[in-house]
All heavy atoms as atom14 arrays in JSON, in Angstrom:
{
  "sequence": "LTARIYAMIRDTGDSFNAISKDGPLIGYGNDFLSVRAVKLFADGALGS",
  "atom14_mask": [
    [1, 1, 1, 1, 1, 1, 1, 1, 0, 0, 0, 0, 0, 0],
    [1, 1, 1, 1, 1, 1, 1, 0, 0, 0, 0, 0, 0, 0],
    [1, 1, 1, 1, 1, 0, 0, 0, 0, 0, 0, 0, 0, 0],
    [1, 1, 1, 1, 1, 1, 1, 1, 1, 1, 1, 0, 0, 0],
    [1, 1, 1, 1, 1, 1, 1, 1, 0, 0, 0, 0, 0, 0],
    [1, 1, 1, 1, 1, 1, 1, 1, 1, 1, 1, 1, 0, 0],
    [1, 1, 1, 1, 1, 0, 0, 0, 0, 0, 0, 0, 0, 0],
    [1, 1, 1, 1, 1, 1, 1, 1, 0, 0, 0, 0, 0, 0],
    [1, 1, 1, 1, 1, 1, 1, 1, 0, 0, 0, 0, 0, 0],
    [1, 1, 1, 1, 1, 1, 1, 1, 1, 1, 1, 0, 0, 0],
    [1, 1, 1, 1, 1, 1, 1, 1, 0, 0, 0, 0, 0, 0],
    [1, 1, 1, 1, 1, 1, 1, 0, 0, 0, 0, 0, 0, 0],
    [1, 1, 1, 1, 0, 0, 0, 0, 0, 0, 0, 0, 0, 0],
    [1, 1, 1, 1, 1, 1, 1, 1, 0, 0, 0, 0, 0, 0],
    [1, 1, 1, 1, 1, 1, 0, 0, 0, 0, 0, 0, 0, 0],
    [1, 1, 1, 1, 1, 1, 1, 1, 1, 1, 1, 0, 0, 0],
    [1, 1, 1, 1, 1, 1, 1, 1, 0, 0, 0, 0, 0, 0],
    [1, 1, 1, 1, 1, 0, 0, 0, 0, 0, 0, 0, 0, 0],
    [1, 1, 1, 1, 1, 1, 1, 1, 0, 0, 0, 0, 0, 0],
    [1, 1, 1, 1, 1, 1, 0, 0, 0, 0, 0, 0, 0, 0],
    [1, 1, 1, 1, 1, 1, 1, 1, 1, 0, 0, 0, 0, 0],
    [1, 1, 1, 1, 1, 1, 1, 1, 0, 0, 0, 0, 0, 0],
    [1, 1, 1, 1, 0, 0, 0, 0, 0, 0, 0, 0, 0, 0],
    [1, 1, 1, 1, 1, 1, 1, 0, 0, 0, 0, 0, 0, 0],
    [1, 1, 1, 1, 1, 1, 1, 1, 0, 0, 0, 0, 0, 0],
    [1, 1, 1, 1, 1, 1, 1, 1, 0, 0, 0, 0, 0, 0],
    [1, 1, 1, 1, 0, 0, 0, 0, 0, 0, 0, 0, 0, 0],
    [1, 1, 1, 1, 1, 1, 1, 1, 1, 1, 1, 1, 0, 0],
    [1, 1, 1, 1, 0, 0, 0, 0, 0, 0, 0, 0, 0, 0],
    [1, 1, 1, 1, 1, 1, 1, 1, 0, 0, 0, 0, 0, 0],
    [1, 1, 1, 1, 1, 1, 1, 1, 0, 0, 0, 0, 0, 0],
    [1, 1, 1, 1, 1, 1, 1, 1, 1, 1, 1, 0, 0, 0],
    [1, 1, 1, 1, 1, 1, 1, 1, 0, 0, 0, 0, 0, 0],
    [1, 1, 1, 1, 1, 1, 0, 0, 0, 0, 0, 0, 0, 0],
    [1, 1, 1, 1, 1, 1, 1, 0, 0, 0, 0, 0, 0, 0],
    [1, 1, 1, 1, 1, 1, 1, 1, 1, 1, 1, 0, 0, 0],
    [1, 1, 1, 1, 1, 0, 0, 0, 0, 0, 0, 0, 0, 0],
    [1, 1, 1, 1, 1, 1, 1, 0, 0, 0, 0, 0, 0, 0],
    [1, 1, 1, 1, 1, 1, 1, 1, 1, 0, 0, 0, 0, 0],
    [1, 1, 1, 1, 1, 1, 1, 1, 0, 0, 0, 0, 0, 0],
    [1, 1, 1, 1, 1, 1, 1, 1, 1, 1, 1, 0, 0, 0],
    [1, 1, 1, 1, 1, 0, 0, 0, 0, 0, 0, 0, 0, 0],
    [1, 1, 1, 1, 1, 1, 1, 1, 0, 0, 0, 0, 0, 0],
    [1, 1, 1, 1, 0, 0, 0, 0, 0, 0, 0, 0, 0, 0],
    [1, 1, 1, 1, 1, 0, 0, 0, 0, 0, 0, 0, 0, 0],
    [1, 1, 1, 1, 1, 1, 1, 1, 0, 0, 0, 0, 0, 0],
    [1, 1, 1, 1, 0, 0, 0, 0, 0, 0, 0, 0, 0, 0],
    [1, 1, 1, 1, 1, 1, 0, 0, 0, 0, 0, 0, 0, 0]
  ],
  "atom14_positions": [
    [[-38.84, 1.05, -30.11], [-38.18, -0.16, -30.46], [-38.02, -0.07, -32.07], [-38.99, 0.18, -32.71], [-38.9, -1.44, -30.17], [-38.9, -1.76, -28.7], [-39.82, -3.05, -28.38], [-37.5, -2.07, -28.12], [0.0, 0.0, 0.0], [0.0, 0.0, 0.0], [0.0, 0.0, 0.0], [0.0, 0.0, 0.0], [0.0, 0.0, 0.0], [0.0, 0.0, 0.0]],
    [[-36.78, -0.31, -32.54], [-36.53, -0.35, -33.99], [-36.31, -1.73, -34.46], [-35.88, -1.87, -35.63], [-35.45, 0.7, -34.32], [-34.28, 0.27, -33.5], [-35.79, 2.04, -34.05], [0.0, 0.0, 0.0], [0.0, 0.0, 0.0], [0.0, 0.0, 0.0], [0.0, 0.0, 0.0], [0.0, 0.0, 0.0], [0.0, 0.0, 0.0], [0.0, 0.0, 0.0]],
    [[-36.44, -2.69, -33.66], [-36.36, -4.11, -33.96], [-37.42, -4.84, -33.15], [-37.72, -4.5, -32.08], [-35.0, -4.69, -33.78], [0.0, 0.0, 0.0], [0.0, 0.0, 0.0], [0.0, 0.0, 0.0], [0.0, 0.0, 0.0], [0.0, 0.0, 0.0], [0.0, 0.0, 0.0], [0.0, 0.0, 0.0], [0.0, 0.0, 0.0], [0.0, 0.0, 0.0]],
    [[-37.91, -5.91, -33.71], [-38.96, -6.74, -32.98], [-38.1, -7.73, -32.03], [-37.2, -8.33, -32.45], [-39.78, -7.52, -33.96], [-40.48, -6.59, -34.99], [-41.49, -7.37, -35.87], [-41.86, -6.51, -36.94], [-42.83, -5.56, -36.83], [-43.51, -5.41, -35.72], [-43.11, -4.75, -37.87], [0.0, 0.0, 0.0], [0.0, 0.0, 0.0], [0.0, 0.0, 0.0]],
    [[-38.59, -7.75, -30.8], [-37.85, -8.52, -29.74], [-38.84, -9.61, -29.25], [-39.95, -9.42, -28.87], [-37.42, -7.66, -28.56], [-36.42, -6.6, -29.08], [-36.91, -8.51, -27.47], [-35.93, -5.59, -27.91], [0.0, 0.0, 0.0], [0.0, 0.0, 0.0], [0.0, 0.0, 0.0], [0.0, 0.0, 0.0], [0.0, 0.0, 0.0], [0.0, 0.0, 0.0]],
    [[-38.31, -10.84, -29.43], [-38.92, -12.0, -28.88], [-38.08, -12.38, -27.7], [-37.05, -12.97, -27.83], [-38.99, -13.11, -29.98], [-39.7, -14.43, -29.55], [-41.0, -14.54, -29.7], [-38.92, -15.47, -28.98], [-41.68, -15.73, -29.28], [-39.55, -16.65, -28.57], [-40.92, -16.78, -28.75], [-41.56, -17.92, -28.44], [0.0, 0.0, 0.0], [0.0, 0.0, 0.0]],
    [[-38.56, -12.09, -26.54], [-37.78, -12.27, -25.29], [-38.01, -13.61, -24.55], [-39.12, -14.03, -24.49], [-38.04, -11.09, -24.34], [0.0, 0.0, 0.0], [0.0, 0.0, 0.0], [0.0, 0.0, 0.0], [0.0, 0.0, 0.0], [0.0, 0.0, 0.0], [0.0, 0.0, 0.0], [0.0, 0.0, 0.0], [0.0, 0.0, 0.0], [0.0, 0.0, 0.0]],
    [[-36.92, -14.21, -24.12], [-36.95, -15.45, -23.33], [-36.57, -15.06, -21.94], [-35.51, -14.45, -21.76], [-35.95, -16.39, -23.92], [-36.2, -16.63, -25.5], [-34.88, -17.65, -26.21], [-35.26, -19.26, -25.69], [0.0, 0.0, 0.0], [0.0, 0.0, 0.0], [0.0, 0.0, 0.0], [0.0, 0.0, 0.0], [0.0, 0.0, 0.0], [0.0, 0.0, 0.0]],
    [[-37.35, -15.44, -21.03], [-37.14, -15.07, -19.56], [-36.05, -15.99, -19.08], [-36.15, -17.27, -19.25], [-38.37, -15.25, -18.71], [-39.55, -14.48, -19.34], [-38.16, -14.85, -17.28], [-40.87, -14.81, -18.75], [0.0, 0.0, 0.0], [0.0, 0.0, 0.0], [0.0, 0.0, 0.0], [0.0, 0.0, 0.0], [0.0, 0.0, 0.0], [0.0, 0.0, 0.0]],
    [[-35.03, -15.48, -18.38], [-33.92, -16.25, -17.88], [-34.37, -17.05, -16.67], [-34.69, -16.52, -15.69], [-32.69, -15.41, -17.6], [-31.5, -16.22, -17.22], [-30.34, -15.22, -16.84], [-29.15, -16.02, -16.49], [-28.04, -16.09, -17.25], [-27.96, -15.45, -18.38], [-27.04, -16.81, -16.84], [0.0, 0.0, 0.0], [0.0, 0.0, 0.0], [0.0, 0.0, 0.0]],
    [[-34.41, -18.34, -16.81], [-34.77, -19.34, -15.75], [-36.15, -19.17, -15.29], [-36.92, -18.36, -15.87], [-33.72, -19.19, -14.64], [-33.39, -20.57, -13.95], [-34.32, -21.21, -13.57], [-32.23, -20.9, -13.9], [0.0, 0.0, 0.0], [0.0, 0.0, 0.0], [0.0, 0.0, 0.0], [0.0, 0.0, 0.0], [0.0, 0.0, 0.0], [0.0, 0.0, 0.0]],
    [[-36.55, -19.93, -14.31], [-37.92, -19.96, -13.76], [-37.98, -19.41, -12.35], [-38.87, -19.82, -11.59], [-38.48, -21.35, -13.81], [-37.59, -22.26, -13.09], [-38.58, -21.86, -15.23], [0.0, 0.0, 0.0], [0.0, 0.0, 0.0], [0.0, 0.0, 0.0], [0.0, 0.0, 0.0], [0.0, 0.0, 0.0], [0.0, 0.0, 0.0], [0.0, 0.0, 0.0]],
    [[-37.09, -18.55, -11.96], [-37.09, -17.97, -10.61], [-37.91, -16.7, -10.48], [-39.09, -16.65, -11.03], [0.0, 0.0, 0.0], [0.0, 0.0, 0.0], [0.0, 0.0, 0.0], [0.0, 0.0, 0.0], [0.0, 0.0, 0.0], [0.0, 0.0, 0.0], [0.0, 0.0, 0.0], [0.0, 0.0, 0.0], [0.0, 0.0, 0.0], [0.0, 0.0, 0.0]],
    [[-37.45, -15.72, -9.72], [-38.2, -14.56, -9.37], [-38.69, -13.73, -10.57], [-39.83, -13.32, -10.65], [-37.4, -13.66, -8.44], [-37.19, -14.32, -7.09], [-37.93, -15.22, -6.72], [-36.3, -13.82, -6.34], [0.0, 0.0, 0.0], [0.0, 0.0, 0.0], [0.0, 0.0, 0.0], [0.0, 0.0, 0.0], [0.0, 0.0, 0.0], [0.0, 0.0, 0.0]],
    [[-37.8, -13.59, -11.53], [-38.21, -12.77, -12.77], [-39.37, -13.53, -13.44], [-40.34, -12.85, -13.89], [-37.03, -12.57, -13.71], [-36.13, -11.69, -13.12], [0.0, 0.0, 0.0], [0.0, 0.0, 0.0], [0.0, 0.0, 0.0], [0.0, 0.0, 0.0], [0.0, 0.0, 0.0], [0.0, 0.0, 0.0], [0.0, 0.0, 0.0], [0.0, 0.0, 0.0]],
    [[-39.22, -14.83, -13.62], [-40.29, -15.56, -14.29], [-41.6, -15.46, -13.54], [-42.64, -15.27, -14.11], [-39.88, -17.02, -14.49], [-41.02, -17.91, -14.99], [-41.27, -17.9, -16.39], [-41.76, -18.72, -14.25], [-42.3, -18.65, -16.98], [-42.74, -19.52, -14.77], [-42.98, -19.51, -16.11], [0.0, 0.0, 0.0], [0.0, 0.0, 0.0], [0.0, 0.0, 0.0]],
    [[-41.59, -15.63, -12.17], [-42.69, -15.56, -11.36], [-43.43, -14.17, -11.59], [-44.68, -14.15, -11.67], [-42.43, -15.75, -9.96], [-41.85, -17.19, -9.57], [-42.16, -18.13, -10.4], [-41.16, -17.38, -8.6], [0.0, 0.0, 0.0], [0.0, 0.0, 0.0], [0.0, 0.0, 0.0], [0.0, 0.0, 0.0], [0.0, 0.0, 0.0], [0.0, 0.0, 0.0]],
    [[-42.66, -13.12, -11.65], [-43.28, -11.79, -11.81], [-43.87, -11.58, -13.13], [-44.98, -11.06, -13.31], [-42.21, -10.76, -11.42], [0.0, 0.0, 0.0], [0.0, 0.0, 0.0], [0.0, 0.0, 0.0], [0.0, 0.0, 0.0], [0.0, 0.0, 0.0], [0.0, 0.0, 0.0], [0.0, 0.0, 0.0], [0.0, 0.0, 0.0], [0.0, 0.0, 0.0]],
    [[-43.05, -11.94, -14.24], [-43.45, -11.71, -15.55], [-44.64, -12.53, -16.03], [-45.45, -12.1, -16.81], [-42.2, -11.92, -16.53], [-41.12, -10.81, -16.2], [-42.66, -11.66, -17.95], [-39.77, -11.13, -16.89], [0.0, 0.0, 0.0], [0.0, 0.0, 0.0], [0.0, 0.0, 0.0], [0.0, 0.0, 0.0], [0.0, 0.0, 0.0], [0.0, 0.0, 0.0]],
    [[-44.66, -13.82, -15.51], [-45.56, -14.66, -16.08], [-46.96, -14.64, -15.32], [-47.85, -15.51, -15.67], [-45.07, -16.18, -15.84], [-44.87, -16.47, -14.52], [0.0, 0.0, 0.0], [0.0, 0.0, 0.0], [0.0, 0.0, 0.0], [0.0, 0.0, 0.0], [0.0, 0.0, 0.0], [0.0, 0.0, 0.0], [0.0, 0.0, 0.0], [0.0, 0.0, 0.0]],
    [[-47.17, -13.71, -14.47], [-48.43, -13.65, -13.69], [-49.64, -13.6, -14.64], [-50.65, -14.19, -14.31], [-48.42, -12.45, -12.77], [-47.56, -12.61, -11.51], [-47.62, -11.38, -10.67], [-46.75, -11.48, -9.41], [-46.87, -10.3, -8.51], [0.0, 0.0, 0.0], [0.0, 0.0, 0.0], [0.0, 0.0, 0.0], [0.0, 0.0, 0.0], [0.0, 0.0, 0.0]],
    [[-49.5, -12.88, -15.71], [-50.61, -12.8, -16.7], [-50.51, -13.65, -17.9], [-51.1, -13.49, -18.89], [-50.8, -11.28, -17.06], [-51.11, -10.4, -15.87], [-51.92, -10.81, -15.06], [-50.59, -9.36, -15.84], [0.0, 0.0, 0.0], [0.0, 0.0, 0.0], [0.0, 0.0, 0.0], [0.0, 0.0, 0.0], [0.0, 0.0, 0.0], [0.0, 0.0, 0.0]],
    [[-49.49, -14.58, -17.83], [-49.24, -15.47, -18.98], [-48.37, -14.85, -19.99], [-47.91, -13.7, -19.89], [0.0, 0.0, 0.0], [0.0, 0.0, 0.0], [0.0, 0.0, 0.0], [0.0, 0.0, 0.0], [0.0, 0.0, 0.0], [0.0, 0.0, 0.0], [0.0, 0.0, 0.0], [0.0, 0.0, 0.0], [0.0, 0.0, 0.0], [0.0, 0.0, 0.0]],
    [[-48.1, -15.59, -21.08], [-47.21, -15.01, -22.2], [-47.72, -13.69, -22.8], [-48.96, -13.53, -22.95], [-47.24, -16.17, -23.23], [-47.59, -17.39, -22.42], [-48.55, -16.95, -21.3], [0.0, 0.0, 0.0], [0.0, 0.0, 0.0], [0.0, 0.0, 0.0], [0.0, 0.0, 0.0], [0.0, 0.0, 0.0], [0.0, 0.0, 0.0], [0.0, 0.0, 0.0]],
    [[-46.81, -12.87, -23.11], [-47.09, -11.62, -23.77], [-46.86, -11.83, -25.26], [-45.69, -12.19, -25.67], [-46.24, -10.52, -23.22], [-46.45, -9.09, -23.86], [-47.72, -8.48, -23.32], [-45.21, -8.21, -23.45], [0.0, 0.0, 0.0], [0.0, 0.0, 0.0], [0.0, 0.0, 0.0], [0.0, 0.0, 0.0], [0.0, 0.0, 0.0], [0.0, 0.0, 0.0]],
    [[-47.9, -11.71, -26.08], [-47.8, -12.07, -27.48], [-48.15, -10.86, -28.33], [-49.21, -10.32, -28.26], [-48.77, -13.22, -27.83], [-48.39, -14.47, -26.94], [-48.71, -13.62, -29.29], [-49.34, -15.6, -27.08], [0.0, 0.0, 0.0], [0.0, 0.0, 0.0], [0.0, 0.0, 0.0], [0.0, 0.0, 0.0], [0.0, 0.0, 0.0], [0.0, 0.0, 0.0]],
    [[-47.25, -10.49, -29.2], [-47.54, -9.47, -30.25], [-47.79, -8.09, -29.68], [-48.57, -7.32, -30.22], [0.0, 0.0, 0.0], [0.0, 0.0, 0.0], [0.0, 0.0, 0.0], [0.0, 0.0, 0.0], [0.0, 0.0, 0.0], [0.0, 0.0, 0.0], [0.0, 0.0, 0.0], [0.0, 0.0, 0.0], [0.0, 0.0, 0.0], [0.0, 0.0, 0.0]],
    [[-47.21, -7.74, -28.52], [-47.44, -6.43, -27.87], [-46.96, -5.26, -28.79], [-45.8, -5.38, -29.35], [-46.72, -6.43, -26.57], [-47.05, -5.26, -25.73], [-48.35, -5.14, -25.01], [-46.15, -4.14, -25.57], [-48.6, -4.06, -24.22], [-46.45, -3.14, -24.75], [-47.62, -3.0, -24.08], [-47.88, -1.91, -23.33], [0.0, 0.0, 0.0], [0.0, 0.0, 0.0]],
    [[-47.69, -4.14, -28.8], [-47.16, -3.0, -29.52], [-46.96, -3.23, -30.99], [-45.91, -2.93, -31.49], [0.0, 0.0, 0.0], [0.0, 0.0, 0.0], [0.0, 0.0, 0.0], [0.0, 0.0, 0.0], [0.0, 0.0, 0.0], [0.0, 0.0, 0.0], [0.0, 0.0, 0.0], [0.0, 0.0, 0.0], [0.0, 0.0, 0.0], [0.0, 0.0, 0.0]],
    [[-48.01, -3.72, -31.65], [-47.9, -3.99, -33.11], [-46.76, -4.99, -33.45], [-45.94, -4.79, -34.4], [-47.61, -2.71, -33.93], [-48.93, -1.94, -34.15], [-50.0, -2.46, -34.19], [-48.78, -0.63, -34.38], [0.0, 0.0, 0.0], [0.0, 0.0, 0.0], [0.0, 0.0, 0.0], [0.0, 0.0, 0.0], [0.0, 0.0, 0.0], [0.0, 0.0, 0.0]],
    [[-46.7, -6.03, -32.6], [-45.84, -7.19, -32.81], [-44.36, -6.77, -32.56], [-43.46, -7.46, -32.98], [-46.02, -7.78, -34.19], [-47.29, -8.54, -34.36], [-47.85, -8.96, -33.36], [-47.79, -8.65, -35.47], [0.0, 0.0, 0.0], [0.0, 0.0, 0.0], [0.0, 0.0, 0.0], [0.0, 0.0, 0.0], [0.0, 0.0, 0.0], [0.0, 0.0, 0.0]],
    [[-44.08, -5.73, -31.85], [-42.79, -5.38, -31.56], [-42.21, -6.08, -30.33], [-40.91, -6.23, -30.16], [-42.58, -3.85, -31.32], [-42.23, -3.12, -32.58], [-43.19, -2.48, -33.3], [-40.9, -2.98, -33.0], [-42.97, -1.83, -34.51], [-40.6, -2.3, -34.18], [-41.64, -1.8, -34.89], [0.0, 0.0, 0.0], [0.0, 0.0, 0.0], [0.0, 0.0, 0.0]],
    [[-43.04, -6.6, -29.48], [-42.54, -7.33, -28.28], [-43.42, -8.52, -27.95], [-44.59, -8.43, -27.81], [-42.53, -6.37, -27.11], [-42.07, -6.99, -25.78], [-40.62, -7.43, -25.78], [-42.27, -5.9, -24.63], [0.0, 0.0, 0.0], [0.0, 0.0, 0.0], [0.0, 0.0, 0.0], [0.0, 0.0, 0.0], [0.0, 0.0, 0.0], [0.0, 0.0, 0.0]],
    [[-42.74, -9.7, -27.85], [-43.41, -10.89, -27.34], [-42.52, -11.46, -26.33], [-41.24, -11.57, -26.39], [-43.66, -11.92, -28.43], [-44.6, -11.48, -29.4], [0.0, 0.0, 0.0], [0.0, 0.0, 0.0], [0.0, 0.0, 0.0], [0.0, 0.0, 0.0], [0.0, 0.0, 0.0], [0.0, 0.0, 0.0], [0.0, 0.0, 0.0], [0.0, 0.0, 0.0]],
    [[-43.11, -11.96, -25.18], [-42.37, -12.6, -24.15], [-43.17, -13.87, -23.8], [-44.08, -13.87, -23.03], [-42.33, -11.71, -22.89], [-41.38, -12.43, -21.8], [-41.8, -10.39, -23.17], [0.0, 0.0, 0.0], [0.0, 0.0, 0.0], [0.0, 0.0, 0.0], [0.0, 0.0, 0.0], [0.0, 0.0, 0.0], [0.0, 0.0, 0.0], [0.0, 0.0, 0.0]],
    [[-42.74, -14.94, -24.48], [-43.48, -16.19, -24.36], [-42.61, -17.47, -24.29], [-42.99, -18.52, -24.68], [-44.55, -16.33, -25.5], [-43.89, -16.34, -26.9], [-44.91, -16.48, -28.04], [-45.8, -17.63, -27.89], [-46.8, -17.88, -28.77], [-46.99, -17.14, -29.8], [-47.51, -18.99, -28.6], [0.0, 0.0, 0.0], [0.0, 0.0, 0.0], [0.0, 0.0, 0.0]],
    [[-41.35, -17.22, -23.84], [-40.42, -18.35, -23.73], [-39.54, -18.14, -22.54], [-39.32, -17.12, -21.98], [-39.5, -18.39, -25.05], [0.0, 0.0, 0.0], [0.0, 0.0, 0.0], [0.0, 0.0, 0.0], [0.0, 0.0, 0.0], [0.0, 0.0, 0.0], [0.0, 0.0, 0.0], [0.0, 0.0, 0.0], [0.0, 0.0, 0.0], [0.0, 0.0, 0.0]],
    [[-38.99, -19.3, -22.11], [-38.02, -19.36, -21.02], [-36.7, -19.86, -21.53], [-36.64, -20.86, -22.29], [-38.6, -20.28, -19.86], [-37.49, -20.54, -18.81], [-39.76, -19.61, -19.22], [0.0, 0.0, 0.0], [0.0, 0.0, 0.0], [0.0, 0.0, 0.0], [0.0, 0.0, 0.0], [0.0, 0.0, 0.0], [0.0, 0.0, 0.0], [0.0, 0.0, 0.0]],
    [[-35.63, -19.3, -20.98], [-34.28, -19.72, -21.35], [-33.61, -20.4, -20.13], [-33.52, -19.9, -19.01], [-33.43, -18.51, -21.74], [-31.9, -18.73, -21.87], [-31.56, -19.6, -23.08], [-30.1, -19.74, -23.28], [-29.36, -18.53, -23.35], [0.0, 0.0, 0.0], [0.0, 0.0, 0.0], [0.0, 0.0, 0.0], [0.0, 0.0, 0.0], [0.0, 0.0, 0.0]],
    [[-33.15, -21.64, -20.36], [-32.49, -22.43, -19.25], [-31.03, -22.73, -19.81], [-30.76, -22.64, -20.99], [-33.19, -23.66, -18.98], [-34.63, -23.54, -18.5], [-35.28, -24.89, -18.28], [-34.66, -22.72, -17.13], [0.0, 0.0, 0.0], [0.0, 0.0, 0.0], [0.0, 0.0, 0.0], [0.0, 0.0, 0.0], [0.0, 0.0, 0.0], [0.0, 0.0, 0.0]],
    [[-30.14, -23.05, -18.9], [-28.76, -23.38, -19.3], [-28.4, -24.81, -18.73], [-28.61, -25.12, -17.54], [-27.75, -22.39, -18.58], [-27.81, -21.0, -19.28], [-28.74, -20.12, -18.82], [-26.91, -20.68, -20.19], [-28.83, -18.82, -19.37], [-26.98, -19.42, -20.75], [-27.87, -18.52, -20.34], [0.0, 0.0, 0.0], [0.0, 0.0, 0.0], [0.0, 0.0, 0.0]],
    [[-27.9, -25.64, -19.62], [-27.51, -27.03, -19.15], [-26.04, -27.04, -18.96], [-25.58, -27.94, -18.13], [-27.89, -27.98, -20.28], [0.0, 0.0, 0.0], [0.0, 0.0, 0.0], [0.0, 0.0, 0.0], [0.0, 0.0, 0.0], [0.0, 0.0, 0.0], [0.0, 0.0, 0.0], [0.0, 0.0, 0.0], [0.0, 0.0, 0.0], [0.0, 0.0, 0.0]],
    [[-25.2, -26.23, -19.62], [-23.73, -26.39, -19.45], [-23.11, -25.03, -19.91], [-23.76, -24.02, -20.08], [-23.2, -27.54, -20.26], [-23.27, -27.39, -21.77], [-24.05, -26.54, -22.26], [-22.6, -28.14, -22.52], [0.0, 0.0, 0.0], [0.0, 0.0, 0.0], [0.0, 0.0, 0.0], [0.0, 0.0, 0.0], [0.0, 0.0, 0.0], [0.0, 0.0, 0.0]],
    [[-21.72, -25.07, -19.94], [-20.95, -23.91, -20.37], [-20.64, -23.91, -21.76], [-21.38, -24.37, -22.65], [0.0, 0.0, 0.0], [0.0, 0.0, 0.0], [0.0, 0.0, 0.0], [0.0, 0.0, 0.0], [0.0, 0.0, 0.0], [0.0, 0.0, 0.0], [0.0, 0.0, 0.0], [0.0, 0.0, 0.0], [0.0, 0.0, 0.0], [0.0, 0.0, 0.0]],
    [[-19.35, -23.48, -22.14], [-19.02, -23.29, -23.5], [-17.71, -24.13, -23.8], [-16.97, -24.5, -22.95], [-18.7, -21.78, -23.78], [0.0, 0.0, 0.0], [0.0, 0.0, 0.0], [0.0, 0.0, 0.0], [0.0, 0.0, 0.0], [0.0, 0.0, 0.0], [0.0, 0.0, 0.0], [0.0, 0.0, 0.0], [0.0, 0.0, 0.0], [0.0, 0.0, 0.0]],
    [[-17.54, -24.34, -25.05], [-16.49, -25.23, -25.49], [-15.02, -24.54, -25.29], [-14.09, -25.19, -24.87], [-16.58, -25.58, -26.94], [-15.71, -26.65, -27.48], [-15.95, -28.01, -26.89], [-15.82, -26.76, -29.09], [0.0, 0.0, 0.0], [0.0, 0.0, 0.0], [0.0, 0.0, 0.0], [0.0, 0.0, 0.0], [0.0, 0.0, 0.0], [0.0, 0.0, 0.0]],
    [[-15.01, -23.21, -25.6], [-13.71, -22.56, -25.54], [-13.15, -22.5, -24.16], [-11.88, -22.56, -23.97], [0.0, 0.0, 0.0], [0.0, 0.0, 0.0], [0.0, 0.0, 0.0], [0.0, 0.0, 0.0], [0.0, 0.0, 0.0], [0.0, 0.0, 0.0], [0.0, 0.0, 0.0], [0.0, 0.0, 0.0], [0.0, 0.0, 0.0], [0.0, 0.0, 0.0]],
    [[-13.93, -22.51, -23.1], [-13.42, -22.5, -21.74], [-13.54, -23.9, -21.12], [-13.36, -24.09, -19.92], [-14.28, -21.54, -20.91], [-15.66, -21.77, -20.95], [0.0, 0.0, 0.0], [0.0, 0.0, 0.0], [0.0, 0.0, 0.0], [0.0, 0.0, 0.0], [0.0, 0.0, 0.0], [0.0, 0.0, 0.0], [0.0, 0.0, 0.0], [0.0, 0.0, 0.0]]
  ]
}
């Protein structure tokens, strides 16, 4: 990794269930990877 990634899990379905088994991942690999957030969608976009 050549940039630090703070990843948000998309929704609370199967991927979240699998990734969150051990709780949030914080500062993994000398702070190059953290997975401690969830991304949800309420609506679409203005242009469309």
